[in-house]
PDB file of all heavy atoms in Angstrom:
ATOM      1  N   PRO A   1    -174.032  -4.563  47.077  1.00  0.00           N
ATOM      2  CA  PRO A   1    -173.048  -4.039  46.121  1.00  0.00           C
ATOM      3  C   PRO A   1    -173.312  -4.567  44.711  1.00  0.00           C
ATOM      4  O   PRO A   1    -173.710  -5.721  44.535  1.00  0.00           O
ATOM      5  CB  PRO A   1    -171.718  -4.564  46.668  1.00  0.00           C
ATOM      6  CG  PRO A   1    -171.970  -4.857  48.103  1.00  0.00           C
ATOM      7  CD  PRO A   1    -173.396  -5.306  48.180  1.00  0.00           C
ATOM      8  N   ARG A   2    -173.093  -3.715  43.722  1.00  0.00           N
ATOM      9  CA  ARG A   2    -173.253  -4.121  42.324  1.00  0.00           C
ATOM     10  C   ARG A   2    -171.949  -4.621  41.718  1.00  0.00           C
ATOM     11  O   ARG A   2    -171.946  -5.204  40.644  1.00  0.00           O
ATOM     12  CB  ARG A   2    -173.791  -2.948  41.507  1.00  0.00           C
ATOM     13  CG  ARG A   2    -175.201  -2.500  41.925  1.00  0.00           C
ATOM     14  CD  ARG A   2    -175.686  -1.376  41.026  1.00  0.00           C
ATOM     15  NE  ARG A   2    -177.049  -0.982  41.366  1.00  0.00           N
ATOM     16  CZ  ARG A   2    -177.722  -0.020  40.740  1.00  0.00           C
ATOM     17  NH1 ARG A   2    -177.143   0.637  39.731  1.00  0.00           N
ATOM     18  NH2 ARG A   2    -178.951   0.274  41.109  1.00  0.00           N
ATOM     19  N   GLY A   3    -170.849  -4.320  42.404  1.00  0.00           N
ATOM     20  CA  GLY A   3    -169.560  -4.773  41.898  1.00  0.00           C
ATOM     21  C   GLY A   3    -168.780  -3.708  41.151  1.00  0.00           C
ATOM     22  O   GLY A   3    -167.590  -3.879  40.886  1.00  0.00           O
ATOM     23  N   ASN A   4    -169.449  -2.581  40.814  1.00  0.00           N
ATOM     24  CA  ASN A   4    -168.755  -1.505  40.094  1.00  0.00           C
ATOM     25  C   ASN A   4    -168.384  -0.340  40.999  1.00  0.00           C
ATOM     26  O   ASN A   4    -167.905   0.694  40.532  1.00  0.00           O
ATOM     27  CB  ASN A   4    -169.619  -1.000  38.930  1.00  0.00           C
ATOM     28  CG  ASN A   4    -170.937  -0.393  39.400  1.00  0.00           C
ATOM     29  OD1 ASN A   4    -171.365  -0.612  40.532  1.00  0.00           O
ATOM     30  ND2 ASN A   4    -171.585   0.360  38.529  1.00  0.00           N
ATOM     31  N   GLU A   5    -168.583  -0.504  42.310  1.00  0.00           N
ATOM     32  CA  GLU A   5    -168.247   0.564  43.253  1.00  0.00           C
ATOM     33  C   GLU A   5    -166.721   0.670  43.409  1.00  0.00           C
ATOM     34  O   GLU A   5    -166.024  -0.349  43.445  1.00  0.00           O
ATOM     35  CB  GLU A   5    -168.876   0.309  44.615  1.00  0.00           C
ATOM     36  CG  GLU A   5    -170.400   0.319  44.607  1.00  0.00           C
ATOM     37  CD  GLU A   5    -171.027  -1.030  44.276  1.00  0.00           C
ATOM     38  OE1 GLU A   5    -170.265  -1.944  43.874  1.00  0.00           O
ATOM     39  OE2 GLU A   5    -172.252  -1.166  44.421  1.00  0.00           O
ATOM     40  N   THR A   6    -166.219   1.892  43.526  1.00  0.00           N
ATOM     41  CA  THR A   6    -164.769   2.096  43.603  1.00  0.00           C
ATOM     42  C   THR A   6    -164.344   2.988  44.764  1.00  0.00           C
ATOM     43  O   THR A   6    -163.170   3.347  44.852  1.00  0.00           O
ATOM     44  CB  THR A   6    -164.250   2.726  42.300  1.00  0.00           C
ATOM     45  OG1 THR A   6    -164.902   3.986  42.090  1.00  0.00           O
ATOM     46  CG2 THR A   6    -164.508   1.820  41.101  1.00  0.00           C
ATOM     47  N   GLN A   7    -165.283   3.344  45.660  1.00  0.00           N
ATOM     48  CA  GLN A   7    -164.929   4.224  46.762  1.00  0.00           C
ATOM     49  C   GLN A   7    -165.683   3.873  48.030  1.00  0.00           C
ATOM     50  O   GLN A   7    -166.839   3.417  47.964  1.00  0.00           O
ATOM     51  CB  GLN A   7    -165.236   5.687  46.417  1.00  0.00           C
ATOM     52  CG  GLN A   7    -164.276   6.355  45.455  1.00  0.00           C
ATOM     53  CD  GLN A   7    -164.611   7.819  45.257  1.00  0.00           C
ATOM     54  OE1 GLN A   7    -165.749   8.171  44.964  1.00  0.00           O
ATOM     55  NE2 GLN A   7    -163.631   8.691  45.432  1.00  0.00           N
ATOM     56  N   VAL A   8    -165.026   4.101  49.163  1.00  0.00           N
ATOM     57  CA  VAL A   8    -165.707   4.093  50.456  1.00  0.00           C
ATOM     58  C   VAL A   8    -165.522   5.467  51.095  1.00  0.00           C
ATOM     59  O   VAL A   8    -164.574   6.197  50.775  1.00  0.00           O
ATOM     60  CB  VAL A   8    -165.169   3.001  51.409  1.00  0.00           C
ATOM     61  CG1 VAL A   8    -165.556   1.615  50.929  1.00  0.00           C
ATOM     62  CG2 VAL A   8    -163.660   3.137  51.603  1.00  0.00           C
ATOM     63  N   ALA A   9    -166.463   5.831  51.985  1.00  0.00           N
ATOM     64  CA  ALA A   9    -166.363   7.087  52.721  1.00  0.00           C
ATOM     65  C   ALA A   9    -166.212   6.785  54.207  1.00  0.00           C
ATOM     66  O   ALA A   9    -166.916   5.930  54.749  1.00  0.00           O
ATOM     67  CB  ALA A   9    -167.608   7.939  52.491  1.00  0.00           C
ATOM     68  N   ILE A  10    -165.278   7.482  54.857  1.00  0.00           N
ATOM     69  CA  ILE A  10    -165.057   7.330  56.300  1.00  0.00           C
ATOM     70  C   ILE A  10    -165.151   8.716  56.924  1.00  0.00           C
ATOM     71  O   ILE A  10    -164.328   9.587  56.645  1.00  0.00           O
ATOM     72  CB  ILE A  10    -163.681   6.709  56.608  1.00  0.00           C
ATOM     73  CG1 ILE A  10    -163.444   5.451  55.769  1.00  0.00           C
ATOM     74  CG2 ILE A  10    -163.560   6.387  58.097  1.00  0.00           C
ATOM     75  CD1 ILE A  10    -162.007   4.956  55.811  1.00  0.00           C
ATOM     76  N   ARG A  11    -166.183   8.948  57.748  1.00  0.00           N
ATOM     77  CA  ARG A  11    -166.353  10.244  58.390  1.00  0.00           C
ATOM     78  C   ARG A  11    -165.192  10.521  59.347  1.00  0.00           C
ATOM     79  O   ARG A  11    -164.780   9.641  60.116  1.00  0.00           O
ATOM     80  CB  ARG A  11    -167.673  10.294  59.153  1.00  0.00           C
ATOM     81  CG  ARG A  11    -168.915  10.264  58.272  1.00  0.00           C
ATOM     82  CD  ARG A  11    -169.097  11.553  57.527  1.00  0.00           C
ATOM     83  NE  ARG A  11    -170.314  11.561  56.717  1.00  0.00           N
ATOM     84  CZ  ARG A  11    -170.521  12.407  55.726  1.00  0.00           C
ATOM     85  NH1 ARG A  11    -169.582  13.306  55.427  1.00  0.00           N
ATOM     86  NH2 ARG A  11    -171.645  12.377  55.035  1.00  0.00           N
ATOM     87  N   THR A  12    -164.690  11.760  59.328  1.00  0.00           N
ATOM     88  CA  THR A  12    -163.527  12.120  60.145  1.00  0.00           C
ATOM     89  C   THR A  12    -163.803  11.989  61.639  1.00  0.00           C
ATOM     90  O   THR A  12    -162.892  11.734  62.420  1.00  0.00           O
ATOM     91  CB  THR A  12    -163.113  13.568  59.836  1.00  0.00           C
ATOM     92  OG1 THR A  12    -164.219  14.437  60.112  1.00  0.00           O
ATOM     93  CG2 THR A  12    -162.715  13.734  58.384  1.00  0.00           C
ATOM     94  N   ALA A  13    -165.079  12.147  62.044  1.00  0.00           N
ATOM     95  CA  ALA A  13    -165.422  12.105  63.472  1.00  0.00           C
ATOM     96  C   ALA A  13    -165.524  10.688  64.012  1.00  0.00           C
ATOM     97  O   ALA A  13    -165.587  10.499  65.230  1.00  0.00           O
ATOM     98  CB  ALA A  13    -166.741  12.842  63.703  1.00  0.00           C
ATOM     99  N   TYR A  14    -165.569   9.680  63.118  1.00  0.00           N
ATOM    100  CA  TYR A  14    -165.763   8.302  63.548  1.00  0.00           C
ATOM    101  C   TYR A  14    -164.457   7.509  63.598  1.00  0.00           C
ATOM    102  O   TYR A  14    -164.469   6.286  63.728  1.00  0.00           O
ATOM    103  CB  TYR A  14    -166.740   7.592  62.617  1.00  0.00           C
ATOM    104  CG  TYR A  14    -168.182   8.036  62.762  1.00  0.00           C
ATOM    105  CD1 TYR A  14    -169.073   7.958  61.699  1.00  0.00           C
ATOM    106  CD2 TYR A  14    -168.660   8.540  63.968  1.00  0.00           C
ATOM    107  CE1 TYR A  14    -170.398   8.358  61.832  1.00  0.00           C
ATOM    108  CE2 TYR A  14    -169.964   8.943  64.112  1.00  0.00           C
ATOM    109  CZ  TYR A  14    -170.837   8.842  63.046  1.00  0.00           C
ATOM    110  OH  TYR A  14    -172.144   9.238  63.185  1.00  0.00           O
ATOM    111  N   ILE A  15    -163.332   8.187  63.508  1.00  0.00           N
ATOM    112  CA  ILE A  15    -162.033   7.504  63.496  1.00  0.00           C
ATOM    113  C   ILE A  15    -161.347   7.703  64.842  1.00  0.00           C
ATOM    114  O   ILE A  15    -161.165   8.833  65.303  1.00  0.00           O
ATOM    115  CB  ILE A  15    -161.139   8.049  62.366  1.00  0.00           C
ATOM    116  CG1 ILE A  15    -161.843   7.899  61.010  1.00  0.00           C
ATOM    117  CG2 ILE A  15    -159.796   7.310  62.347  1.00  0.00           C
ATOM    118  CD1 ILE A  15    -161.135   8.607  59.872  1.00  0.00           C
ATOM    119  N   GLY A  16    -161.001   6.598  65.474  1.00  0.00           N
ATOM    120  CA  GLY A  16    -160.251   6.659  66.720  1.00  0.00           C
ATOM    121  C   GLY A  16    -158.758   6.700  66.438  1.00  0.00           C
ATOM    122  O   GLY A  16    -158.276   6.100  65.464  1.00  0.00           O
ATOM    123  N   VAL A  17    -158.028   7.390  67.297  1.00  0.00           N
ATOM    124  CA  VAL A  17    -156.575   7.498  67.145  1.00  0.00           C
ATOM    125  C   VAL A  17    -155.926   7.262  68.493  1.00  0.00           C
ATOM    126  O   VAL A  17    -156.368   7.806  69.511  1.00  0.00           O
ATOM    127  CB  VAL A  17    -156.160   8.889  66.619  1.00  0.00           C
ATOM    128  CG1 VAL A  17    -154.649   8.952  66.406  1.00  0.00           C
ATOM    129  CG2 VAL A  17    -156.872   9.219  65.320  1.00  0.00           C
ATOM    130  N   GLY A  18    -154.895   6.456  68.524  1.00  0.00           N
ATOM    131  CA  GLY A  18    -154.159   6.221  69.766  1.00  0.00           C
ATOM    132  C   GLY A  18    -155.023   5.582  70.839  1.00  0.00           C
ATOM    133  O   GLY A  18    -155.555   4.480  70.664  1.00  0.00           O
ATOM    134  N   ALA A  19    -155.244   6.296  71.953  1.00  0.00           N
ATOM    135  CA  ALA A  19    -155.989   5.743  73.096  1.00  0.00           C
ATOM    136  C   ALA A  19    -157.438   5.440  72.749  1.00  0.00           C
ATOM    137  O   ALA A  19    -158.072   4.601  73.384  1.00  0.00           O
ATOM    138  CB  ALA A  19    -155.925   6.726  74.270  1.00  0.00           C
ATOM    139  N   THR A  20    -157.999   6.133  71.751  1.00  0.00           N
ATOM    140  CA  THR A  20    -159.410   5.899  71.382  1.00  0.00           C
ATOM    141  C   THR A  20    -159.546   4.800  70.333  1.00  0.00           C
ATOM    142  O   THR A  20    -160.664   4.456  69.949  1.00  0.00           O
ATOM    143  CB  THR A  20    -160.042   7.190  70.839  1.00  0.00           C
ATOM    144  OG1 THR A  20    -159.341   7.612  69.662  1.00  0.00           O
ATOM    145  CG2 THR A  20    -159.994   8.291  71.881  1.00  0.00           C
ATOM    146  N   ALA A  21    -158.456   4.260  69.847  1.00  0.00           N
ATOM    147  CA  ALA A  21    -158.495   3.223  68.817  1.00  0.00           C
ATOM    148  C   ALA A  21    -158.562   1.845  69.462  1.00  0.00           C
ATOM    149  O   ALA A  21    -157.591   1.093  69.468  1.00  0.00           O
ATOM    150  CB  ALA A  21    -157.266   3.338  67.908  1.00  0.00           C
ATOM    151  N   VAL A  22    -159.717   1.501  70.034  1.00  0.00           N
ATOM    152  CA  VAL A  22    -159.855   0.214  70.726  1.00  0.00           C
ATOM    153  C   VAL A  22    -161.057  -0.560  70.182  1.00  0.00           C
ATOM    154  O   VAL A  22    -162.082   0.018  69.846  1.00  0.00           O
ATOM    155  CB  VAL A  22    -160.025   0.435  72.249  1.00  0.00           C
ATOM    156  CG1 VAL A  22    -158.743   0.988  72.848  1.00  0.00           C
ATOM    157  CG2 VAL A  22    -161.183   1.374  72.555  1.00  0.00           C
ATOM    158  N   SER A  23    -160.899  -1.882  70.126  1.00  0.00           N
ATOM    159  CA  SER A  23    -161.984  -2.821  69.795  1.00  0.00           C
ATOM    160  C   SER A  23    -162.790  -2.393  68.570  1.00  0.00           C
ATOM    161  O   SER A  23    -164.012  -2.359  68.586  1.00  0.00           O
ATOM    162  CB  SER A  23    -162.934  -2.972  71.008  1.00  0.00           C
ATOM    163  OG  SER A  23    -162.230  -3.424  72.126  1.00  0.00           O
ATOM    164  N   GLN A  24    -162.114  -2.062  67.485  1.00  0.00           N
ATOM    165  CA  GLN A  24    -162.788  -1.682  66.257  1.00  0.00           C
ATOM    166  C   GLN A  24    -162.324  -2.576  65.118  1.00  0.00           C
ATOM    167  O   GLN A  24    -161.221  -3.134  65.132  1.00  0.00           O
ATOM    168  CB  GLN A  24    -162.561  -0.194  65.962  1.00  0.00           C
ATOM    169  CG  GLN A  24    -163.230   0.704  67.025  1.00  0.00           C
ATOM    170  CD  GLN A  24    -162.892   2.170  66.861  1.00  0.00           C
ATOM    171  OE1 GLN A  24    -161.732   2.526  66.802  1.00  0.00           O
ATOM    172  NE2 GLN A  24    -163.907   3.008  66.796  1.00  0.00           N
ATOM    173  N   ALA A  25    -163.193  -2.715  64.092  1.00  0.00           N
ATOM    174  CA  ALA A  25    -162.960  -3.708  63.045  1.00  0.00           C
ATOM    175  C   ALA A  25    -161.712  -3.424  62.221  1.00  0.00           C
ATOM    176  O   ALA A  25    -160.997  -4.333  61.805  1.00  0.00           O
ATOM    177  CB  ALA A  25    -164.189  -3.775  62.131  1.00  0.00           C
ATOM    178  N   ASN A  26    -161.450  -2.157  61.976  1.00  0.00           N
ATOM    179  CA  ASN A  26    -160.294  -1.772  61.163  1.00  0.00           C
ATOM    180  C   ASN A  26    -159.250  -1.095  62.044  1.00  0.00           C
ATOM    181  O   ASN A  26    -159.529  -0.069  62.677  1.00  0.00           O
ATOM    182  CB  ASN A  26    -160.738  -0.812  60.055  1.00  0.00           C
ATOM    183  CG  ASN A  26    -161.693  -1.455  59.080  1.00  0.00           C
ATOM    184  OD1 ASN A  26    -161.328  -2.321  58.297  1.00  0.00           O
ATOM    185  ND2 ASN A  26    -162.956  -1.030  59.122  1.00  0.00           N
ATOM    186  N   ARG A  27    -158.048  -1.670  62.096  1.00  0.00           N
ATOM    187  CA  ARG A  27    -156.953  -1.127  62.889  1.00  0.00           C
ATOM    188  C   ARG A  27    -155.719  -1.066  62.006  1.00  0.00           C
ATOM    189  O   ARG A  27    -155.225  -2.094  61.551  1.00  0.00           O
ATOM    190  CB  ARG A  27    -156.686  -1.980  64.136  1.00  0.00           C
ATOM    191  CG  ARG A  27    -157.855  -2.009  65.115  1.00  0.00           C
ATOM    192  CD  ARG A  27    -157.598  -2.972  66.276  1.00  0.00           C
ATOM    193  NE  ARG A  27    -156.415  -2.616  67.046  1.00  0.00           N
ATOM    194  CZ  ARG A  27    -156.400  -1.680  68.000  1.00  0.00           C
ATOM    195  NH1 ARG A  27    -157.507  -1.008  68.284  1.00  0.00           N
ATOM    196  NH2 ARG A  27    -155.297  -1.410  68.662  1.00  0.00           N
ATOM    197  N   ILE A  28    -155.217   0.167  61.771  1.00  0.00           N
ATOM    198  CA  ILE A  28    -154.122   0.364  60.826  1.00  0.00           C
ATOM    199  C   ILE A  28    -153.082   1.284  61.452  1.00  0.00           C
ATOM    200  O   ILE A  28    -153.410   2.192  62.221  1.00  0.00           O
ATOM    201  CB  ILE A  28    -154.648   0.997  59.498  1.00  0.00           C
ATOM    202  CG1 ILE A  28    -155.782   0.155  58.915  1.00  0.00           C
ATOM    203  CG2 ILE A  28    -153.523   1.124  58.473  1.00  0.00           C
ATOM    204  CD1 ILE A  28    -157.138   0.727  59.099  1.00  0.00           C
ATOM    205  N   GLU A  29    -151.846   1.077  61.113  1.00  0.00           N
ATOM    206  CA  GLU A  29    -150.765   1.936  61.614  1.00  0.00           C
ATOM    207  C   GLU A  29    -150.705   3.231  60.803  1.00  0.00           C
ATOM    208  O   GLU A  29    -150.970   3.245  59.597  1.00  0.00           O
ATOM    209  CB  GLU A  29    -149.420   1.208  61.522  1.00  0.00           C
ATOM    210  CG  GLU A  29    -149.326   0.007  62.455  1.00  0.00           C
ATOM    211  CD  GLU A  29    -147.974  -0.687  62.334  1.00  0.00           C
ATOM    212  OE1 GLU A  29    -147.195  -0.310  61.430  1.00  0.00           O
ATOM    213  OE2 GLU A  29    -147.705  -1.592  63.137  1.00  0.00           O
ATOM    214  N   GLY A  30    -150.336   4.326  61.479  1.00  0.00           N
ATOM    215  CA  GLY A  30    -150.186   5.610  60.808  1.00  0.00           C
ATOM    216  C   GLY A  30    -149.257   6.515  61.587  1.00  0.00           C
ATOM    217  O   GLY A  30    -148.756   6.155  62.652  1.00  0.00           O
ATOM    218  N   ARG A  31    -149.018   7.699  61.051  1.00  0.00           N
ATOM    219  CA  ARG A  31    -148.169   8.685  61.716  1.00  0.00           C
ATOM    220  C   ARG A  31    -148.796  10.060  61.555  1.00  0.00           C
ATOM    221  O   ARG A  31    -149.229  10.435  60.460  1.00  0.00           O
ATOM    222  CB  ARG A  31    -146.762   8.677  61.126  1.00  0.00           C
ATOM    223  CG  ARG A  31    -145.856   9.777  61.676  1.00  0.00           C
ATOM    224  CD  ARG A  31    -144.437   9.634  61.204  1.00  0.00           C
ATOM    225  NE  ARG A  31    -143.808   8.448  61.792  1.00  0.00           N
ATOM    226  CZ  ARG A  31    -142.541   8.096  61.553  1.00  0.00           C
ATOM    227  NH1 ARG A  31    -141.782   8.821  60.744  1.00  0.00           N
ATOM    228  NH2 ARG A  31    -142.042   7.021  62.118  1.00  0.00           N
ATOM    229  N   VAL A  32    -148.838  10.826  62.659  1.00  0.00           N
ATOM    230  CA  VAL A  32    -149.427  12.157  62.638  1.00  0.00           C
ATOM    231  C   VAL A  32    -148.518  13.100  61.860  1.00  0.00           C
ATOM    232  O   VAL A  32    -147.385  13.361  62.263  1.00  0.00           O
ATOM    233  CB  VAL A  32    -149.668  12.693  64.065  1.00  0.00           C
ATOM    234  CG1 VAL A  32    -150.228  14.112  64.011  1.00  0.00           C
ATOM    235  CG2 VAL A  32    -150.605  11.768  64.826  1.00  0.00           C
ATOM    236  N   ALA A  33    -149.018  13.613  60.724  1.00  0.00           N
ATOM    237  CA  ALA A  33    -148.234  14.526  59.898  1.00  0.00           C
ATOM    238  C   ALA A  33    -148.446  15.977  60.316  1.00  0.00           C
ATOM    239  O   ALA A  33    -147.516  16.793  60.262  1.00  0.00           O
ATOM    240  CB  ALA A  33    -148.601  14.354  58.424  1.00  0.00           C
ATOM    241  N   ARG A  34    -149.681  16.307  60.718  1.00  0.00           N
ATOM    242  CA  ARG A  34    -149.970  17.697  61.080  1.00  0.00           C
ATOM    243  C   ARG A  34    -151.141  17.734  62.051  1.00  0.00           C
ATOM    244  O   ARG A  34    -152.043  16.896  61.986  1.00  0.00           O
ATOM    245  CB  ARG A  34    -150.292  18.510  59.834  1.00  0.00           C
ATOM    246  CG  ARG A  34    -150.395  20.013  60.089  1.00  0.00           C
ATOM    247  CD  ARG A  34    -150.652  20.765  58.800  1.00  0.00           C
ATOM    248  NE  ARG A  34    -149.593  20.515  57.830  1.00  0.00           N
ATOM    249  CZ  ARG A  34    -149.659  20.878  56.547  1.00  0.00           C
ATOM    250  NH1 ARG A  34    -150.741  21.481  56.102  1.00  0.00           N
ATOM    251  NH2 ARG A  34    -148.653  20.620  55.735  1.00  0.00           N
ATOM    252  N   ARG A  35    -151.116  18.731  62.935  1.00  0.00           N
ATOM    253  CA  ARG A  35    -152.192  18.925  63.900  1.00  0.00           C
ATOM    254  C   ARG A  35    -152.663  20.381  63.824  1.00  0.00           C
ATOM    255  O   ARG A  35    -151.849  21.304  63.826  1.00  0.00           O
ATOM    256  CB  ARG A  35    -151.693  18.609  65.311  1.00  0.00           C
ATOM    257  CG  ARG A  35    -152.774  18.720  66.387  1.00  0.00           C
ATOM    258  CD  ARG A  35    -152.176  18.491  67.764  1.00  0.00           C
ATOM    259  NE  ARG A  35    -151.314  19.601  68.170  1.00  0.00           N
ATOM    260  CZ  ARG A  35    -150.325  19.503  69.052  1.00  0.00           C
ATOM    261  NH1 ARG A  35    -150.062  18.340  69.620  1.00  0.00           N
ATOM    262  NH2 ARG A  35    -149.590  20.557  69.366  1.00  0.00           N
ATOM    263  N   MET A  36    -153.997  20.572  63.745  1.00  0.00           N
ATOM    264  CA  MET A  36    -154.578  21.918  63.648  1.00  0.00           C
ATOM    265  C   MET A  36    -155.684  22.068  64.686  1.00  0.00           C
ATOM    266  O   MET A  36    -156.618  21.270  64.717  1.00  0.00           O
ATOM    267  CB  MET A  36    -155.129  22.150  62.242  1.00  0.00           C
ATOM    268  CG  MET A  36    -154.046  22.289  61.180  1.00  0.00           C
ATOM    269  SD  MET A  36    -154.655  21.927  59.515  1.00  0.00           S
ATOM    270  CE  MET A  36    -154.773  20.140  59.583  1.00  0.00           C
ATOM    271  N   PHE A  37    -155.563  23.088  65.498  1.00  0.00           N
ATOM    272  CA  PHE A  37    -156.535  23.338  66.563  1.00  0.00           C
ATOM    273  C   PHE A  37    -157.670  24.202  66.027  1.00  0.00           C
ATOM    274  O   PHE A  37    -157.452  25.289  65.497  1.00  0.00           O
ATOM    275  CB  PHE A  37    -155.844  24.035  67.743  1.00  0.00           C
ATOM    276  CG  PHE A  37    -156.754  24.284  68.910  1.00  0.00           C
ATOM    277  CD1 PHE A  37    -157.170  23.232  69.726  1.00  0.00           C
ATOM    278  CD2 PHE A  37    -157.212  25.561  69.205  1.00  0.00           C
ATOM    279  CE1 PHE A  37    -158.005  23.456  70.809  1.00  0.00           C
ATOM    280  CE2 PHE A  37    -158.049  25.795  70.275  1.00  0.00           C
ATOM    281  CZ  PHE A  37    -158.450  24.736  71.079  1.00  0.00           C
ATOM    282  N   HIS A  38    -158.927  23.729  66.165  1.00  0.00           N
ATOM    283  CA  HIS A  38    -160.098  24.446  65.663  1.00  0.00           C
ATOM    284  C   HIS A  38    -161.050  24.883  66.778  1.00  0.00           C
ATOM    285  O   HIS A  38    -162.168  25.292  66.490  1.00  0.00           O
ATOM    286  CB  HIS A  38    -160.867  23.561  64.674  1.00  0.00           C
ATOM    287  CG  HIS A  38    -160.172  23.375  63.364  1.00  0.00           C
ATOM    288  ND1 HIS A  38    -160.500  24.091  62.226  1.00  0.00           N
ATOM    289  CD2 HIS A  38    -159.140  22.564  63.010  1.00  0.00           C
ATOM    290  CE1 HIS A  38    -159.716  23.708  61.230  1.00  0.00           C
ATOM    291  NE2 HIS A  38    -158.880  22.793  61.677  1.00  0.00           N
ATOM    292  N   GLY A  39    -160.633  24.780  68.015  1.00  0.00           N
ATOM    293  CA  GLY A  39    -161.504  25.169  69.127  1.00  0.00           C
ATOM    294  C   GLY A  39    -162.301  23.987  69.639  1.00  0.00           C
ATOM    295  O   GLY A  39    -161.909  23.350  70.626  1.00  0.00           O
ATOM    296  N   ASP A  40    -163.425  23.688  68.993  1.00  0.00           N
ATOM    297  CA  ASP A  40    -164.274  22.579  69.437  1.00  0.00           C
ATOM    298  C   ASP A  40    -163.696  21.214  69.077  1.00  0.00           C
ATOM    299  O   ASP A  40    -164.139  20.188  69.600  1.00  0.00           O
ATOM    300  CB  ASP A  40    -165.674  22.701  68.830  1.00  0.00           C
ATOM    301  CG  ASP A  40    -166.459  23.852  69.436  1.00  0.00           C
ATOM    302  OD1 ASP A  40    -166.112  24.275  70.547  1.00  0.00           O
ATOM    303  OD2 ASP A  40    -167.414  24.320  68.799  1.00  0.00           O
ATOM    304  N   PHE A  41    -162.745  21.175  68.169  1.00  0.00           N
ATOM    305  CA  PHE A  41    -162.111  19.904  67.807  1.00  0.00           C
ATOM    306  C   PHE A  41    -160.687  20.173  67.321  1.00  0.00           C
ATOM    307  O   PHE A  41    -160.314  21.302  67.004  1.00  0.00           O
ATOM    308  CB  PHE A  41    -162.913  19.177  66.717  1.00  0.00           C
ATOM    309  CG  PHE A  41    -162.988  19.908  65.401  1.00  0.00           C
ATOM    310  CD1 PHE A  41    -162.008  19.722  64.418  1.00  0.00           C
ATOM    311  CD2 PHE A  41    -164.028  20.785  65.132  1.00  0.00           C
ATOM    312  CE1 PHE A  41    -162.076  20.400  63.212  1.00  0.00           C
ATOM    313  CE2 PHE A  41    -164.109  21.471  63.930  1.00  0.00           C
ATOM    314  CZ  PHE A  41    -163.127  21.278  62.960  1.00  0.00           C
ATOM    315  N   VAL A  42    -159.904  19.105  67.308  1.00  0.00           N
ATOM    316  CA  VAL A  42    -158.548  19.150  66.754  1.00  0.00           C
ATOM    317  C   VAL A  42    -158.536  18.292  65.502  1.00  0.00           C
ATOM    318  O   VAL A  42    -158.999  17.150  65.520  1.00  0.00           O
ATOM    319  CB  VAL A  42    -157.497  18.631  67.758  1.00  0.00           C
ATOM    320  CG1 VAL A  42    -156.106  18.660  67.149  1.00  0.00           C
ATOM    321  CG2 VAL A  42    -157.534  19.460  69.037  1.00  0.00           C
TER     322      VAL A  42
END
């Protein structure tokens, strides 16, 4: 890092929620605001 960075990127497919949120470095509380069904993924 150079020290002037101001953003991180988190891919949507790499985030666990609920039962899949186990043994990971970052664990944060949240609430599901909306759910959209896309066929191959939600």
